[in-house]
């Protein structure tokens, strides 16, 4: 049994609350246990300069943590005058993950900017952000006149963490587990079970192929559950909360 009293293959309580903001074209509050991320998607006509005239759209993301998302207050990155390397890496990951399931030419010359703001952090902020970002993105796409959302979005995309803790493979690490994990991995997958990105690190000791297969198999189990929750949320739409 883990410190959280979960079995190795059990997710934390997961909640996806849709339609949480008034003005954004799409929004979602994604909660993975005590980790909470507010995601909004904003639709803009036109694309960045490098895409003008190419007949396709663009999806990008920004990520940040509020000052008291953790036990002690952190300084706003805007006050420091620059983003940390961690922030840049995470927001690029979110953008890549979303673009993997978007048919950009069908989107037309429009840009969707997804903002992921961590309200409370207890491990897995990037995975919660990606999972909630897809909901916000889908809602924004559905609001575009004369665009077939089902054609623009090829599949769902979600993310989960896995790792080796106390010698065993576990799913969806919280902060205590993550900080002491021998292996820490984040996995992004589509609803069809295809991999978008795998980020894995041996924090203490190297791991073999058998361990890698165990971790990827565990991640696949978690992703299937998350995608099922996403589909429930999108099929219902509106201001509702869906939980695992």
Protein backbone atom coordinates (compact mmCIF):
# COMPACT_ATOMS: atom_id res chain seq x y z
CA UNK A 1 0.00 0.00 0.00
CA UNK A 2 1.25 3.47 -0.91
CA UNK A 3 1.51 6.48 1.43
CA UNK A 4 -1.77 7.67 -0.09
CA UNK A 5 -3.33 4.27 0.73
CA UNK A 6 -3.90 3.60 -2.96
CA UNK A 7 -3.14 0.37 -4.77
CA UNK A 8 -0.33 0.68 -7.38
CA UNK A 9 -2.74 0.96 -10.35
CA UNK A 10 -5.18 3.43 -8.77
CA UNK A 11 -5.47 7.06 -9.85
CA UNK A 12 -6.05 9.81 -7.34
CA UNK A 13 -9.62 11.13 -7.34
CA UNK A 14 -9.85 12.92 -10.70
CA UNK A 15 -12.36 15.64 -11.49
CA UNK A 16 -12.91 17.54 -14.74
CA UNK A 17 -15.22 20.52 -14.30
CA UNK A 18 -16.28 22.11 -17.56
CA UNK A 19 -17.46 25.65 -18.34
CA UNK A 20 -15.82 27.16 -15.25
CA UNK A 21 -15.12 30.65 -16.63
CA UNK A 22 -17.50 33.11 -18.20
CA UNK A 23 -15.48 34.71 -20.98
CA UNK A 24 -13.09 32.09 -22.40
CA UNK A 25 -14.25 30.08 -25.42
CA UNK A 26 -13.31 26.91 -23.54
CA UNK A 27 -12.43 26.15 -19.91
CA UNK A 28 -11.88 23.31 -17.48
CA UNK A 29 -10.83 22.85 -13.87
CA UNK A 30 -8.74 19.68 -13.74
CA UNK A 31 -8.18 18.16 -10.29
CA UNK A 32 -5.90 15.18 -9.70
CA UNK A 33 -6.15 14.68 -5.95
CA UNK A 34 -4.92 17.92 -4.36
CA UNK A 35 -3.42 19.17 -7.64
CA UNK A 36 -5.74 21.70 -9.26
CA UNK A 37 -5.18 23.39 -12.63
CA UNK A 38 -7.46 26.00 -14.18
CA UNK A 39 -7.34 25.80 -17.97
CA UNK A 40 -8.82 28.30 -20.41
CA UNK A 41 -8.74 28.26 -24.22
CA UNK A 42 -8.91 31.53 -26.17
CA UNK A 43 -9.77 31.68 -29.87
CA UNK A 44 -8.07 34.33 -32.00
CA UNK A 45 -8.52 35.04 -35.68
CA UNK A 46 -5.19 34.96 -37.49
CA UNK A 47 -2.00 32.99 -36.89
CA UNK A 48 1.60 33.77 -35.91
CA UNK A 49 3.75 35.33 -38.61
CA UNK A 50 5.55 32.11 -39.51
CA UNK A 51 2.20 30.55 -40.54
CA UNK A 52 0.58 33.44 -42.43
CA UNK A 53 -0.67 32.45 -45.85
CA UNK A 54 -0.12 28.73 -45.28
CA UNK A 55 -3.80 27.93 -44.82
CA UNK A 56 -3.55 26.32 -41.41
CA UNK A 57 -4.17 27.14 -37.79
CA UNK A 58 -2.08 26.90 -34.65
CA UNK A 59 -2.49 25.69 -31.08
CA UNK A 60 -0.11 26.84 -28.37
CA UNK A 61 -0.03 26.82 -24.58
CA UNK A 62 1.19 28.83 -21.63
CA UNK A 63 1.74 27.43 -18.14
CA UNK A 64 2.31 29.01 -14.75
CA UNK A 65 2.01 28.41 -11.03
CA UNK A 66 0.25 30.86 -8.75
CA UNK A 67 2.39 32.17 -5.88
CA UNK A 68 0.72 30.03 -3.20
CA UNK A 69 0.24 26.89 -5.25
CA UNK A 70 2.78 25.25 -2.92
CA UNK A 71 3.57 25.28 0.81
CA UNK A 72 5.52 28.52 0.57
CA UNK A 73 4.92 31.56 -1.60
CA UNK A 74 6.84 31.62 -4.84
CA UNK A 75 7.59 34.81 -6.74
CA UNK A 76 5.60 35.43 -9.89
CA UNK A 77 7.80 34.82 -12.91
CA UNK A 78 6.59 38.09 -14.40
CA UNK A 79 8.09 39.89 -11.40
CA UNK A 80 11.41 38.18 -12.08
CA UNK A 81 11.38 39.28 -15.70
CA UNK A 82 11.74 35.81 -17.24
CA UNK A 83 10.27 32.34 -17.28
CA UNK A 84 12.10 29.44 -15.69
CA UNK A 85 13.39 26.60 -17.84
CA UNK A 86 10.84 24.30 -16.18
CA UNK A 87 7.95 26.56 -17.16
CA UNK A 88 9.10 26.79 -20.77
CA UNK A 89 9.59 23.02 -21.01
CA UNK A 90 6.12 22.27 -19.60
CA UNK A 91 4.22 24.72 -21.78
CA UNK A 92 5.98 23.39 -24.88
CA UNK A 93 4.99 19.88 -23.85
CA UNK A 94 1.35 20.94 -23.47
CA UNK A 95 1.36 22.61 -26.89
CA UNK A 96 2.95 19.58 -28.60
CA UNK A 97 0.47 17.24 -26.92
CA UNK A 98 -2.56 19.20 -28.12
CA UNK A 99 -1.26 19.70 -31.66
CA UNK A 100 -0.76 15.94 -31.95
CA UNK A 101 -4.54 15.46 -32.16
CA UNK A 102 -5.51 18.61 -34.09
CA UNK A 103 -5.89 18.77 -37.87
CA UNK A 104 -4.36 22.24 -38.22
CA UNK A 105 -5.42 22.84 -41.86
CA UNK A 106 -9.06 22.15 -40.94
CA UNK A 107 -8.78 24.69 -38.14
CA UNK A 108 -8.21 27.41 -40.74
CA UNK A 109 -6.08 30.49 -40.13
CA UNK A 110 -6.98 30.74 -36.45
CA UNK A 111 -4.99 30.37 -33.28
CA UNK A 112 -6.12 28.81 -30.01
CA UNK A 113 -4.08 29.77 -26.96
CA UNK A 114 -4.47 27.47 -23.97
CA UNK A 115 -3.56 28.92 -20.56
CA UNK A 116 -2.84 26.47 -17.74
CA UNK A 117 -2.64 28.05 -14.28
CA UNK A 118 -1.75 25.84 -11.34
CA UNK A 119 -3.86 26.85 -8.37
CA UNK A 120 -2.60 24.09 -6.09
CA UNK A 121 0.30 21.69 -6.67
CA UNK A 122 0.71 18.21 -5.23
CA UNK A 123 2.57 16.47 -8.05
CA UNK A 124 1.47 15.86 -11.63
CA UNK A 125 0.72 19.45 -12.59
CA UNK A 126 1.75 18.93 -16.21
CA UNK A 127 -0.33 15.78 -16.60
CA UNK A 128 -3.40 17.45 -15.07
CA UNK A 129 -2.81 20.46 -17.33
CA UNK A 130 -2.68 18.37 -20.51
CA UNK A 131 -5.76 16.33 -19.57
CA UNK A 132 -7.79 19.45 -18.75
CA UNK A 133 -6.38 21.39 -21.70
CA UNK A 134 -7.92 18.97 -24.18
CA UNK A 135 -11.37 19.64 -22.72
CA UNK A 136 -10.91 23.41 -22.95
CA UNK A 137 -9.53 23.10 -26.49
CA UNK A 138 -12.45 20.94 -27.63
CA UNK A 139 -14.95 23.43 -26.22
CA UNK A 140 -13.21 26.30 -28.04
CA UNK A 141 -13.18 24.41 -31.35
CA UNK A 142 -16.88 23.61 -30.98
CA UNK A 143 -17.65 27.35 -30.85
CA UNK A 144 -16.05 28.14 -34.23
CA UNK A 145 -18.80 28.80 -36.80
CA UNK A 146 -18.80 26.63 -39.93
CA UNK A 147 -16.07 24.34 -38.57
CA UNK A 148 -16.67 20.63 -37.98
CA UNK A 149 -15.14 20.05 -34.56
CA UNK A 150 -15.12 16.28 -35.06
CA UNK A 151 -12.93 16.75 -38.14
CA UNK A 152 -10.55 19.20 -36.46
CA UNK A 153 -9.99 16.98 -33.41
CA UNK A 154 -8.72 13.59 -34.52
CA UNK A 155 -8.72 12.03 -31.04
CA UNK A 156 -8.55 12.75 -27.34
CA UNK A 157 -5.21 13.25 -25.61
CA UNK A 158 -4.41 12.84 -21.91
CA UNK A 159 -1.36 12.43 -19.69
CA UNK A 160 -0.41 10.64 -16.49
CA UNK A 161 2.65 10.06 -14.35
CA UNK A 162 4.10 6.68 -13.40
CA UNK A 163 7.17 5.75 -11.41
CA UNK A 164 9.08 3.30 -9.28
CA UNK A 165 8.40 3.95 -5.59
CA UNK A 166 9.64 1.64 -2.83
CA UNK A 167 10.65 -0.87 -5.48
CA UNK A 168 7.28 -1.08 -7.22
CA UNK A 169 5.63 0.51 -10.27
CA UNK A 170 2.87 2.95 -9.32
CA UNK A 171 0.41 5.16 -11.18
CA UNK A 172 -0.28 8.90 -10.75
CA UNK A 173 2.34 10.04 -8.25
CA UNK A 174 1.60 12.77 -5.74
CA UNK A 175 4.36 15.06 -4.46
CA UNK A 176 5.56 12.79 -1.63
CA UNK A 177 5.87 9.82 -3.99
CA UNK A 178 7.40 11.90 -6.78
CA UNK A 179 10.05 13.45 -4.53
CA UNK A 180 11.29 10.01 -3.43
CA UNK A 181 10.77 8.02 -6.64
CA UNK A 182 13.63 5.93 -8.01
CA UNK A 183 12.16 6.42 -11.50
CA UNK A 184 9.84 9.25 -12.53
CA UNK A 185 8.00 9.24 -15.86
CA UNK A 186 5.31 11.31 -17.58
CA UNK A 187 3.39 9.71 -20.43
CA UNK A 188 1.13 11.43 -22.98
CA UNK A 189 -1.17 9.24 -25.09
CA UNK A 190 -4.13 9.52 -27.42
CA UNK A 191 -7.49 7.88 -26.94
CA UNK A 192 -6.43 5.25 -29.49
CA UNK A 193 -3.55 4.26 -27.23
CA UNK A 194 -0.79 5.84 -29.31
CA UNK A 195 2.12 7.57 -27.60
CA UNK A 196 2.62 11.30 -28.05
CA UNK A 197 5.50 11.75 -25.62
CA UNK A 198 7.32 9.78 -22.93
CA UNK A 199 9.53 11.61 -20.42
CA UNK A 200 11.35 9.18 -18.15
CA UNK A 201 14.24 9.65 -15.75
CA UNK A 202 16.13 7.31 -13.42
CA UNK A 203 16.32 9.57 -10.38
CA UNK A 204 18.29 7.03 -8.32
CA UNK A 205 19.18 3.85 -10.22
CA UNK A 206 18.86 2.88 -13.92
CA UNK A 207 15.95 0.68 -14.98
CA UNK A 208 15.73 -2.13 -17.51
CA UNK A 209 13.36 -2.81 -20.41
CA UNK A 210 11.07 -4.96 -18.27
CA UNK A 211 10.56 -2.08 -15.85
CA UNK A 212 9.94 0.30 -18.74
CA UNK A 213 7.27 -2.03 -20.14
CA UNK A 214 5.64 -2.25 -16.70
CA UNK A 215 5.51 1.52 -16.41
CA UNK A 216 4.13 2.05 -19.92
CA UNK A 217 1.49 -0.61 -19.34
CA UNK A 218 0.44 1.08 -16.11
CA UNK A 219 0.32 4.46 -17.86
CA UNK A 220 -1.93 2.98 -20.58
CA UNK A 221 -4.39 1.84 -17.91
CA UNK A 222 -4.53 5.32 -16.42
CA UNK A 223 -4.85 7.06 -19.78
CA UNK A 224 -7.80 4.85 -20.78
CA UNK A 225 -9.63 5.91 -17.63
CA UNK A 226 -8.85 9.58 -18.18
CA UNK A 227 -9.95 9.47 -21.82
CA UNK A 228 -13.22 7.87 -20.75
CA UNK A 229 -13.76 10.75 -18.35
CA UNK A 230 -12.92 13.29 -21.07
CA UNK A 231 -15.43 11.73 -23.45
CA UNK A 232 -18.16 11.83 -20.81
CA UNK A 233 -17.46 15.51 -20.25
CA UNK A 234 -17.48 16.37 -23.95
CA UNK A 235 -20.61 14.36 -24.70
CA UNK A 236 -22.52 16.22 -21.98
CA UNK A 237 -20.92 19.68 -22.37
CA UNK A 238 -21.97 22.67 -20.30
CA UNK A 239 -21.20 23.53 -16.69
CA UNK A 240 -20.88 20.09 -15.17
CA UNK A 241 -18.42 18.14 -13.06
CA UNK A 242 -17.22 14.64 -13.95
CA UNK A 243 -15.23 12.49 -11.54
CA UNK A 244 -13.39 9.20 -11.33
